[in-house]
Amino acid sequence: MFVTKAKVKGKFVTLGTFSNLGQAFNRGKQFVENTASATFKVESGGTTVKPQGFLGRGFAPSKSNKGAIIQQRSFRIQTQGEKIEISSKGRLFKKRKGVFVVRL
C-alpha cells in the first residue's frame, strides 16, 4: 500500500492510499499541478519511496526535504485552479491586514 501526501499550509496532508505505485505518483502530480501546493511525497510502510521513472517534465526531487518531490518554479501557477487559489489568498491577506482597494 502506498500513501500519497501533499504539503498544504506547511504540513503534509494525506491525499489517498493506493495499491499501485504509479497511481500514487500520478495522484500526487495531479494534485500539485492543479493547486497552489508544490510538494508531495509517496510513502510505503512509513518510509518514503524514491520516484525512479515516475517523475515527468516539471518535477524534481527536493534537495532540502528528503524524499519529497517538488514542482519546478517554471511550471507553477499555470492552471486555472492555481490562479484562483492564489488570488483568493491575496484577497484574504488584504482583508486581514485592513488594506482595502477602493475603486471609483
N, C-alpha and C. Protein backbone atom coordinates (compact mmCIF):
# COMPACT_ATOMS: atom_id res chain seq x y z
N MET A 1 0.83 -1.18 0.00
CA MET A 1 0.00 0.00 0.00
C MET A 1 0.88 1.25 0.00
N PHE A 2 0.51 2.18 -0.82
CA PHE A 2 1.27 3.42 -0.96
C PHE A 2 0.38 4.59 -0.57
N VAL A 3 0.90 5.45 0.28
CA VAL A 3 0.17 6.62 0.76
C VAL A 3 0.77 7.86 0.12
N THR A 4 -0.07 8.66 -0.52
CA THR A 4 0.37 9.91 -1.15
C THR A 4 0.04 11.06 -0.24
N LYS A 5 1.03 11.92 0.01
CA LYS A 5 0.85 13.09 0.88
C LYS A 5 1.32 14.33 0.14
N ALA A 6 0.60 15.44 0.34
CA ALA A 6 0.97 16.71 -0.27
C ALA A 6 1.11 17.76 0.83
N LYS A 7 1.98 18.71 0.61
CA LYS A 7 2.19 19.77 1.59
C LYS A 7 1.17 20.88 1.36
N VAL A 8 0.32 21.08 2.37
CA VAL A 8 -0.70 22.11 2.32
C VAL A 8 -0.56 22.95 3.59
N LYS A 9 -0.35 24.24 3.43
CA LYS A 9 -0.16 25.17 4.54
C LYS A 9 0.95 24.73 5.47
N GLY A 10 2.04 24.19 4.92
CA GLY A 10 3.21 23.84 5.69
C GLY A 10 3.22 22.45 6.31
N LYS A 11 2.14 21.69 6.14
CA LYS A 11 2.07 20.34 6.73
C LYS A 11 1.68 19.34 5.64
N PHE A 12 2.18 18.12 5.77
CA PHE A 12 1.82 17.08 4.81
C PHE A 12 0.45 16.50 5.16
N VAL A 13 -0.45 16.51 4.17
CA VAL A 13 -1.81 16.01 4.31
C VAL A 13 -1.97 14.80 3.41
N THR A 14 -2.63 13.75 3.89
CA THR A 14 -2.82 12.53 3.11
C THR A 14 -3.85 12.76 2.00
N LEU A 15 -3.47 12.41 0.78
CA LEU A 15 -4.37 12.52 -0.37
C LEU A 15 -5.11 11.22 -0.64
N GLY A 16 -4.51 10.11 -0.30
CA GLY A 16 -5.15 8.83 -0.53
C GLY A 16 -4.19 7.67 -0.40
N THR A 17 -4.76 6.46 -0.39
CA THR A 17 -3.98 5.23 -0.31
C THR A 17 -4.19 4.44 -1.59
N PHE A 18 -3.10 3.96 -2.18
CA PHE A 18 -3.16 3.28 -3.47
C PHE A 18 -2.41 1.96 -3.41
N SER A 19 -2.87 0.99 -4.19
CA SER A 19 -2.19 -0.30 -4.24
C SER A 19 -1.08 -0.31 -5.28
N ASN A 20 -1.14 0.62 -6.22
CA ASN A 20 -0.18 0.70 -7.32
C ASN A 20 0.70 1.93 -7.14
N LEU A 21 2.00 1.78 -7.29
CA LEU A 21 2.94 2.89 -7.13
C LEU A 21 2.71 3.97 -8.18
N GLY A 22 2.43 3.58 -9.40
CA GLY A 22 2.17 4.54 -10.47
C GLY A 22 0.96 5.41 -10.19
N GLN A 23 -0.11 4.80 -9.66
CA GLN A 23 -1.31 5.56 -9.32
C GLN A 23 -1.02 6.57 -8.21
N ALA A 24 -0.22 6.16 -7.24
CA ALA A 24 0.13 7.04 -6.13
C ALA A 24 0.89 8.28 -6.63
N PHE A 25 1.87 8.08 -7.50
CA PHE A 25 2.62 9.22 -8.03
C PHE A 25 1.75 10.08 -8.94
N ASN A 26 0.89 9.48 -9.73
CA ASN A 26 0.01 10.25 -10.60
C ASN A 26 -0.95 11.13 -9.80
N ARG A 27 -1.46 10.62 -8.68
CA ARG A 27 -2.37 11.40 -7.84
C ARG A 27 -1.63 12.60 -7.24
N GLY A 28 -0.42 12.39 -6.78
CA GLY A 28 0.37 13.49 -6.24
C GLY A 28 0.67 14.54 -7.28
N LYS A 29 1.07 14.11 -8.47
CA LYS A 29 1.37 15.05 -9.55
C LYS A 29 0.13 15.83 -9.96
N GLN A 30 -1.01 15.15 -10.05
CA GLN A 30 -2.26 15.81 -10.43
C GLN A 30 -2.66 16.87 -9.40
N PHE A 31 -2.53 16.54 -8.12
CA PHE A 31 -2.88 17.49 -7.06
C PHE A 31 -1.98 18.71 -7.11
N VAL A 32 -0.69 18.50 -7.25
CA VAL A 32 0.28 19.60 -7.27
C VAL A 32 0.09 20.48 -8.51
N GLU A 33 -0.24 19.88 -9.63
CA GLU A 33 -0.42 20.66 -10.86
C GLU A 33 -1.67 21.54 -10.82
N ASN A 34 -2.68 21.17 -10.03
CA ASN A 34 -3.95 21.89 -10.04
C ASN A 34 -4.24 22.70 -8.79
N THR A 35 -3.29 22.77 -7.86
CA THR A 35 -3.45 23.59 -6.67
C THR A 35 -2.20 24.43 -6.46
N ALA A 36 -2.24 25.29 -5.46
CA ALA A 36 -1.08 26.15 -5.17
C ALA A 36 0.04 25.37 -4.48
N SER A 37 -0.25 24.16 -4.01
CA SER A 37 0.79 23.33 -3.38
C SER A 37 1.83 22.93 -4.42
N ALA A 38 3.08 22.80 -3.98
CA ALA A 38 4.15 22.46 -4.92
C ALA A 38 4.93 21.22 -4.51
N THR A 39 4.61 20.61 -3.36
CA THR A 39 5.40 19.50 -2.84
C THR A 39 4.50 18.31 -2.52
N PHE A 40 4.96 17.10 -2.87
CA PHE A 40 4.27 15.89 -2.47
C PHE A 40 5.28 14.77 -2.27
N LYS A 41 4.84 13.70 -1.60
CA LYS A 41 5.69 12.52 -1.43
C LYS A 41 4.81 11.28 -1.34
N VAL A 42 5.43 10.14 -1.62
CA VAL A 42 4.74 8.85 -1.57
C VAL A 42 5.44 7.99 -0.53
N GLU A 43 4.67 7.43 0.40
CA GLU A 43 5.23 6.60 1.46
C GLU A 43 4.68 5.19 1.38
N SER A 44 5.49 4.26 1.83
CA SER A 44 5.07 2.87 1.92
C SER A 44 5.60 2.32 3.24
N GLY A 45 4.70 1.98 4.15
CA GLY A 45 5.11 1.46 5.44
C GLY A 45 5.88 2.46 6.28
N GLY A 46 5.58 3.74 6.13
CA GLY A 46 6.24 4.78 6.91
C GLY A 46 7.53 5.30 6.32
N THR A 47 8.04 4.66 5.27
CA THR A 47 9.27 5.14 4.62
C THR A 47 8.93 5.75 3.27
N THR A 48 9.66 6.76 2.89
CA THR A 48 9.42 7.45 1.63
C THR A 48 9.95 6.63 0.47
N VAL A 49 9.17 6.58 -0.62
CA VAL A 49 9.54 5.82 -1.81
C VAL A 49 10.25 6.74 -2.79
N LYS A 50 11.34 6.27 -3.37
CA LYS A 50 12.06 7.06 -4.37
C LYS A 50 11.29 7.02 -5.70
N PRO A 51 11.23 8.14 -6.40
CA PRO A 51 10.41 8.25 -7.61
C PRO A 51 11.12 7.84 -8.90
N GLN A 52 11.78 6.72 -8.91
CA GLN A 52 12.54 6.32 -10.10
C GLN A 52 11.61 6.00 -11.26
N GLY A 53 11.73 6.77 -12.33
CA GLY A 53 10.94 6.54 -13.53
C GLY A 53 9.56 7.14 -13.51
N PHE A 54 9.14 7.76 -12.39
CA PHE A 54 7.79 8.29 -12.30
C PHE A 54 7.72 9.80 -12.40
N LEU A 55 8.87 10.46 -12.37
CA LEU A 55 8.86 11.91 -12.48
C LEU A 55 8.76 12.32 -13.93
N GLY A 56 7.84 13.18 -14.21
CA GLY A 56 7.67 13.68 -15.57
C GLY A 56 8.32 15.04 -15.69
N ARG A 57 8.00 15.71 -16.76
CA ARG A 57 8.53 17.03 -17.02
C ARG A 57 7.96 18.01 -16.00
N GLY A 58 8.82 18.82 -15.42
CA GLY A 58 8.38 19.82 -14.47
C GLY A 58 8.48 19.42 -13.02
N PHE A 59 8.99 18.22 -12.72
CA PHE A 59 9.11 17.76 -11.34
C PHE A 59 10.55 17.34 -11.07
N ALA A 60 10.99 17.53 -9.82
CA ALA A 60 12.34 17.16 -9.42
C ALA A 60 12.34 16.77 -7.95
N PRO A 61 13.27 15.91 -7.55
CA PRO A 61 13.37 15.60 -6.12
C PRO A 61 13.83 16.81 -5.33
N SER A 62 13.30 16.99 -4.15
CA SER A 62 13.65 18.12 -3.30
C SER A 62 15.05 17.94 -2.74
N LYS A 63 15.80 19.02 -2.66
CA LYS A 63 17.14 18.96 -2.09
C LYS A 63 17.11 19.11 -0.58
N SER A 64 16.15 19.86 -0.07
CA SER A 64 16.10 20.12 1.37
C SER A 64 15.20 19.13 2.12
N ASN A 65 14.11 18.69 1.50
CA ASN A 65 13.16 17.80 2.15
C ASN A 65 13.32 16.40 1.56
N LYS A 66 14.02 15.52 2.26
CA LYS A 66 14.35 14.20 1.71
C LYS A 66 13.12 13.40 1.35
N GLY A 67 13.11 12.85 0.15
CA GLY A 67 12.02 12.00 -0.30
C GLY A 67 10.85 12.75 -0.91
N ALA A 68 10.84 14.05 -0.80
CA ALA A 68 9.74 14.85 -1.35
C ALA A 68 10.03 15.19 -2.81
N ILE A 69 8.97 15.43 -3.55
CA ILE A 69 9.06 15.81 -4.96
C ILE A 69 8.45 17.19 -5.10
N ILE A 70 9.14 18.09 -5.77
CA ILE A 70 8.64 19.44 -5.93
C ILE A 70 8.34 19.74 -7.39
N GLN A 71 7.40 20.62 -7.60
CA GLN A 71 7.10 21.11 -8.94
C GLN A 71 8.05 22.29 -9.18
N GLN A 72 8.75 22.25 -10.29
CA GLN A 72 9.72 23.30 -10.58
C GLN A 72 9.02 24.63 -10.79
N ARG A 73 9.71 25.69 -10.42
CA ARG A 73 9.10 27.03 -10.44
C ARG A 73 8.56 27.44 -11.81
N SER A 74 9.24 27.07 -12.85
CA SER A 74 8.81 27.49 -14.18
C SER A 74 7.50 26.82 -14.61
N PHE A 75 7.08 25.77 -13.91
CA PHE A 75 5.85 25.06 -14.26
C PHE A 75 4.71 25.35 -13.30
N ARG A 76 4.92 26.21 -12.32
CA ARG A 76 3.88 26.53 -11.33
C ARG A 76 2.95 27.62 -11.82
N ILE A 77 1.79 27.66 -11.22
CA ILE A 77 0.76 28.69 -11.45
C ILE A 77 0.44 28.84 -12.94
N GLN A 78 0.04 27.74 -13.54
CA GLN A 78 -0.36 27.78 -14.94
C GLN A 78 -1.81 27.38 -15.13
N THR A 79 -2.36 26.57 -14.24
CA THR A 79 -3.75 26.12 -14.41
C THR A 79 -4.70 27.11 -13.75
N GLN A 80 -5.96 27.03 -14.13
CA GLN A 80 -6.98 27.93 -13.60
C GLN A 80 -7.16 27.74 -12.09
N GLY A 81 -7.09 26.50 -11.60
CA GLY A 81 -7.24 26.23 -10.18
C GLY A 81 -6.18 26.91 -9.34
N GLU A 82 -4.94 26.90 -9.83
CA GLU A 82 -3.85 27.55 -9.11
C GLU A 82 -4.06 29.06 -9.07
N LYS A 83 -4.47 29.64 -10.18
CA LYS A 83 -4.67 31.09 -10.25
C LYS A 83 -5.78 31.54 -9.31
N ILE A 84 -6.86 30.76 -9.24
CA ILE A 84 -7.98 31.11 -8.36
C ILE A 84 -7.54 31.03 -6.90
N GLU A 85 -6.80 29.98 -6.55
CA GLU A 85 -6.35 29.80 -5.17
C GLU A 85 -5.40 30.92 -4.75
N ILE A 86 -4.50 31.32 -5.63
CA ILE A 86 -3.54 32.38 -5.31
C ILE A 86 -4.27 33.72 -5.13
N SER A 87 -5.21 34.05 -6.03
CA SER A 87 -5.90 35.33 -5.91
C SER A 87 -6.80 35.39 -4.69
N SER A 88 -7.41 34.26 -4.31
CA SER A 88 -8.25 34.27 -3.11
C SER A 88 -7.39 34.44 -1.86
N LYS A 89 -6.18 33.87 -1.85
CA LYS A 89 -5.28 34.06 -0.71
C LYS A 89 -4.86 35.52 -0.60
N GLY A 90 -4.64 36.17 -1.72
CA GLY A 90 -4.27 37.59 -1.71
C GLY A 90 -5.39 38.46 -1.16
N ARG A 91 -6.63 38.14 -1.53
CA ARG A 91 -7.77 38.91 -1.03
C ARG A 91 -7.92 38.73 0.49
N LEU A 92 -7.75 37.50 0.96
CA LEU A 92 -7.84 37.24 2.40
C LEU A 92 -6.75 37.98 3.17
N PHE A 93 -5.54 38.02 2.61
CA PHE A 93 -4.44 38.72 3.26
C PHE A 93 -4.76 40.20 3.40
N LYS A 94 -5.24 40.81 2.33
CA LYS A 94 -5.58 42.23 2.38
C LYS A 94 -6.70 42.50 3.38
N LYS A 95 -7.66 41.59 3.44
CA LYS A 95 -8.79 41.76 4.36
C LYS A 95 -8.31 41.70 5.81
N ARG A 96 -7.41 40.79 6.12
CA ARG A 96 -6.90 40.64 7.48
C ARG A 96 -6.02 41.82 7.90
N LYS A 97 -5.28 42.37 6.97
CA LYS A 97 -4.38 43.48 7.27
C LYS A 97 -5.09 44.83 7.25
N GLY A 98 -6.34 44.87 6.81
CA GLY A 98 -7.07 46.12 6.77
C GLY A 98 -6.75 46.97 5.57
N VAL A 99 -6.20 46.36 4.54
CA VAL A 99 -5.87 47.09 3.32
C VAL A 99 -6.97 46.81 2.30
N PHE A 100 -7.74 47.82 2.00
CA PHE A 100 -8.82 47.64 1.04
C PHE A 100 -8.58 48.52 -0.18
N VAL A 101 -8.89 48.00 -1.32
CA VAL A 101 -8.75 48.77 -2.54
C VAL A 101 -10.10 49.39 -2.85
N VAL A 102 -10.14 50.70 -2.94
CA VAL A 102 -11.37 51.41 -3.23
C VAL A 102 -11.36 51.79 -4.69
N ARG A 103 -12.37 51.31 -5.40
CA ARG A 103 -12.46 51.62 -6.84
C ARG A 103 -13.63 52.56 -7.06
N LEU A 104 -13.36 53.63 -7.76
CA LEU A 104 -14.41 54.62 -8.04
C LEU A 104 -14.90 54.53 -9.44
